N, C-alpha and C. Protein backbone atom coordinates (compact mmCIF):
# COMPACT_ATOMS: atom_id res chain seq x y z
N UNK A 1 212.08 150.36 150.55
CA UNK A 1 211.31 150.05 149.38
C UNK A 1 212.17 149.91 148.12
N UNK A 2 213.47 149.98 148.29
CA UNK A 2 214.35 149.82 147.13
C UNK A 2 214.18 148.44 146.51
N UNK A 3 213.92 147.43 147.35
CA UNK A 3 213.72 146.09 146.83
C UNK A 3 212.52 146.04 145.90
N UNK A 4 211.40 146.65 146.30
CA UNK A 4 210.21 146.66 145.45
C UNK A 4 210.48 147.43 144.17
N UNK A 5 211.23 148.51 144.26
CA UNK A 5 211.58 149.26 143.05
C UNK A 5 212.45 148.42 142.13
N UNK A 6 213.41 147.68 142.71
CA UNK A 6 214.27 146.82 141.89
C UNK A 6 213.46 145.73 141.20
N UNK A 7 212.52 145.13 141.93
CA UNK A 7 211.74 144.04 141.35
C UNK A 7 210.82 144.51 140.22
N UNK A 8 210.63 145.81 140.09
CA UNK A 8 209.82 146.36 139.00
C UNK A 8 210.66 146.68 137.77
N UNK A 9 211.98 146.55 137.88
CA UNK A 9 212.85 146.80 136.73
C UNK A 9 212.85 145.57 135.82
N UNK A 10 213.29 145.72 134.58
CA UNK A 10 213.36 144.55 133.70
C UNK A 10 214.21 143.41 134.27
N UNK A 11 215.31 143.73 134.93
CA UNK A 11 216.16 142.69 135.52
C UNK A 11 215.41 141.97 136.65
N UNK A 12 214.70 142.72 137.47
CA UNK A 12 213.91 142.13 138.55
C UNK A 12 212.80 141.24 138.02
N UNK A 13 212.19 141.66 136.93
CA UNK A 13 211.12 140.86 136.34
C UNK A 13 211.67 139.55 135.78
N UNK A 14 212.82 139.61 135.12
CA UNK A 14 213.45 138.40 134.59
C UNK A 14 213.86 137.49 135.75
N UNK A 15 214.36 138.07 136.83
CA UNK A 15 214.73 137.30 138.00
C UNK A 15 213.52 136.55 138.57
N UNK A 16 212.36 137.20 138.60
CA UNK A 16 211.15 136.53 139.08
C UNK A 16 210.77 135.35 138.19
N UNK A 17 210.91 135.52 136.89
CA UNK A 17 210.58 134.43 135.96
C UNK A 17 211.53 133.25 136.18
N UNK A 18 212.82 133.54 136.30
CA UNK A 18 213.82 132.48 136.50
C UNK A 18 213.59 131.77 137.83
N UNK A 19 213.39 132.54 138.89
CA UNK A 19 213.17 131.93 140.21
C UNK A 19 211.88 131.11 140.24
N UNK A 20 210.86 131.57 139.55
CA UNK A 20 209.63 130.79 139.46
C UNK A 20 209.86 129.46 138.76
N UNK A 21 210.67 129.47 137.71
CA UNK A 21 211.00 128.23 137.00
C UNK A 21 211.76 127.27 137.92
N UNK A 22 212.65 127.82 138.73
CA UNK A 22 213.41 126.98 139.68
C UNK A 22 212.46 126.38 140.72
N UNK A 23 211.52 127.16 141.21
CA UNK A 23 210.56 126.67 142.21
C UNK A 23 209.69 125.58 141.59
N UNK A 24 209.24 125.78 140.36
CA UNK A 24 208.43 124.76 139.68
C UNK A 24 209.24 123.48 139.52
N UNK A 25 210.48 123.61 139.06
CA UNK A 25 211.35 122.44 138.88
C UNK A 25 211.55 121.70 140.20
N UNK A 26 211.81 122.45 141.28
CA UNK A 26 212.01 121.83 142.60
C UNK A 26 210.76 121.09 143.05
N UNK A 27 209.61 121.70 142.84
CA UNK A 27 208.36 121.05 143.22
C UNK A 27 208.12 119.76 142.46
N UNK A 28 208.42 119.77 141.17
CA UNK A 28 208.26 118.56 140.37
C UNK A 28 209.28 117.50 140.76
N UNK A 29 210.48 117.93 141.13
CA UNK A 29 211.51 116.98 141.55
C UNK A 29 211.16 116.33 142.89
N UNK A 30 210.55 117.10 143.79
CA UNK A 30 210.16 116.58 145.10
C UNK A 30 209.03 115.56 144.95
N UNK A 31 208.05 115.92 144.14
CA UNK A 31 206.91 115.03 143.92
C UNK A 31 205.96 115.02 145.10
N UNK A 32 204.94 114.23 145.01
CA UNK A 32 203.95 114.13 146.07
C UNK A 32 203.09 115.38 146.16
N UNK A 33 202.27 115.43 147.20
CA UNK A 33 201.35 116.55 147.38
C UNK A 33 202.11 117.85 147.69
N UNK A 34 203.14 117.76 148.51
CA UNK A 34 203.92 118.95 148.85
C UNK A 34 204.64 119.51 147.63
N UNK A 35 205.20 118.63 146.82
CA UNK A 35 205.89 119.06 145.61
C UNK A 35 204.94 119.68 144.61
N UNK A 36 203.74 119.11 144.50
CA UNK A 36 202.73 119.67 143.61
C UNK A 36 202.32 121.05 144.07
N UNK A 37 202.13 121.22 145.38
CA UNK A 37 201.77 122.53 145.92
C UNK A 37 202.89 123.54 145.66
N UNK A 38 204.13 123.11 145.84
CA UNK A 38 205.26 123.99 145.59
C UNK A 38 205.34 124.38 144.12
N UNK A 39 205.14 123.40 143.23
CA UNK A 39 205.17 123.68 141.79
C UNK A 39 204.06 124.64 141.40
N UNK A 40 202.87 124.47 141.95
CA UNK A 40 201.77 125.38 141.65
C UNK A 40 202.07 126.79 142.16
N UNK A 41 202.64 126.89 143.36
CA UNK A 41 203.04 128.18 143.90
C UNK A 41 204.10 128.83 143.02
N UNK A 42 204.95 128.02 142.41
CA UNK A 42 206.01 128.51 141.55
C UNK A 42 205.52 129.25 140.31
N UNK A 43 204.27 129.08 139.95
CA UNK A 43 203.73 129.80 138.80
C UNK A 43 203.47 131.27 139.11
N UNK A 44 203.36 131.63 140.37
CA UNK A 44 203.07 133.02 140.74
C UNK A 44 204.17 134.01 140.34
N UNK A 45 205.44 133.76 140.67
CA UNK A 45 206.48 134.73 140.29
C UNK A 45 206.60 134.97 138.78
N UNK A 46 206.59 133.91 137.93
CA UNK A 46 206.68 134.19 136.49
C UNK A 46 205.48 134.97 135.95
N UNK A 47 204.30 134.65 136.43
CA UNK A 47 203.11 135.35 135.96
C UNK A 47 203.19 136.83 136.33
N UNK A 48 203.55 137.12 137.58
CA UNK A 48 203.64 138.52 137.98
C UNK A 48 204.79 139.23 137.27
N UNK A 49 205.89 138.52 137.02
CA UNK A 49 207.01 139.11 136.30
C UNK A 49 206.67 139.43 134.85
N UNK A 50 206.00 138.50 134.20
CA UNK A 50 205.64 138.71 132.79
C UNK A 50 204.62 139.83 132.65
N UNK A 51 203.65 139.87 133.56
CA UNK A 51 202.59 140.89 133.48
C UNK A 51 203.00 142.22 134.11
N UNK A 52 204.13 142.27 134.80
CA UNK A 52 204.58 143.52 135.43
C UNK A 52 203.75 143.89 136.64
N UNK A 53 203.32 142.89 137.38
CA UNK A 53 202.52 143.12 138.58
C UNK A 53 203.35 142.82 139.82
N UNK A 54 203.01 143.48 140.91
CA UNK A 54 203.65 143.18 142.19
C UNK A 54 202.57 143.14 143.25
N UNK A 55 202.20 141.93 143.69
CA UNK A 55 201.11 141.82 144.67
C UNK A 55 201.44 142.42 146.03
N UNK A 56 202.71 142.70 146.31
CA UNK A 56 203.10 143.29 147.60
C UNK A 56 202.93 144.80 147.59
N UNK A 57 203.04 145.42 146.42
CA UNK A 57 202.95 146.88 146.33
C UNK A 57 201.72 147.49 147.01
N UNK A 58 200.51 146.97 146.79
CA UNK A 58 199.35 147.59 147.44
C UNK A 58 199.42 147.56 148.97
N UNK A 59 200.16 146.60 149.52
CA UNK A 59 200.29 146.53 150.98
C UNK A 59 201.11 147.68 151.54
N UNK A 60 201.93 148.31 150.68
CA UNK A 60 202.76 149.44 151.12
C UNK A 60 202.32 150.75 150.47
N UNK A 61 201.12 150.75 149.90
CA UNK A 61 200.56 151.98 149.36
C UNK A 61 201.02 152.35 147.96
N UNK A 62 201.48 151.39 147.21
CA UNK A 62 201.92 151.64 145.83
C UNK A 62 200.98 150.91 144.88
N UNK A 63 200.94 151.33 143.62
CA UNK A 63 200.05 150.65 142.67
C UNK A 63 200.54 149.23 142.38
N UNK A 64 199.60 148.33 142.08
CA UNK A 64 199.95 146.94 141.81
C UNK A 64 200.76 146.81 140.52
N UNK A 65 200.49 147.68 139.56
CA UNK A 65 201.22 147.68 138.29
C UNK A 65 202.17 148.86 138.30
N UNK A 66 203.45 148.58 138.10
CA UNK A 66 204.45 149.64 138.14
C UNK A 66 204.94 149.99 136.75
N UNK A 67 205.07 151.27 136.53
CA UNK A 67 205.68 151.75 135.29
C UNK A 67 207.00 152.43 135.67
N UNK A 68 207.62 153.13 134.76
CA UNK A 68 208.91 153.76 135.02
C UNK A 68 208.85 154.75 136.19
N UNK A 69 207.76 155.49 136.30
CA UNK A 69 207.62 156.49 137.37
C UNK A 69 207.61 155.79 138.74
N UNK A 70 206.98 154.64 138.83
CA UNK A 70 206.92 153.89 140.09
C UNK A 70 208.31 153.40 140.47
N UNK A 71 209.09 152.96 139.50
CA UNK A 71 210.44 152.47 139.77
C UNK A 71 211.36 153.58 140.25
N UNK A 72 211.11 154.80 139.80
CA UNK A 72 211.94 155.93 140.18
C UNK A 72 211.62 156.40 141.60
N UNK A 73 210.43 156.09 142.06
CA UNK A 73 209.98 156.51 143.38
C UNK A 73 210.82 155.84 144.46
N UNK A 74 211.20 156.58 145.47
CA UNK A 74 212.03 156.02 146.54
C UNK A 74 211.29 156.06 147.87
N UNK A 75 210.11 155.55 147.89
CA UNK A 75 209.31 155.50 149.12
C UNK A 75 209.97 154.66 150.15
């Protein structure tokens, strides 16, 4: 679960925003229906990064919104 803890840190959140921008750019560069779907999917990482949400956390028994205490947890 160290990966989930890392993704809740400020660096992890910025990484999600950057990677989402790259996915959006790639989708727009590809074009067509597949590219549009990829670009739309690319909005998910920046939104979750900006809002401090992790949609995977509830699947492993952690809260969807992580604060400092959640990041310190080593589940």
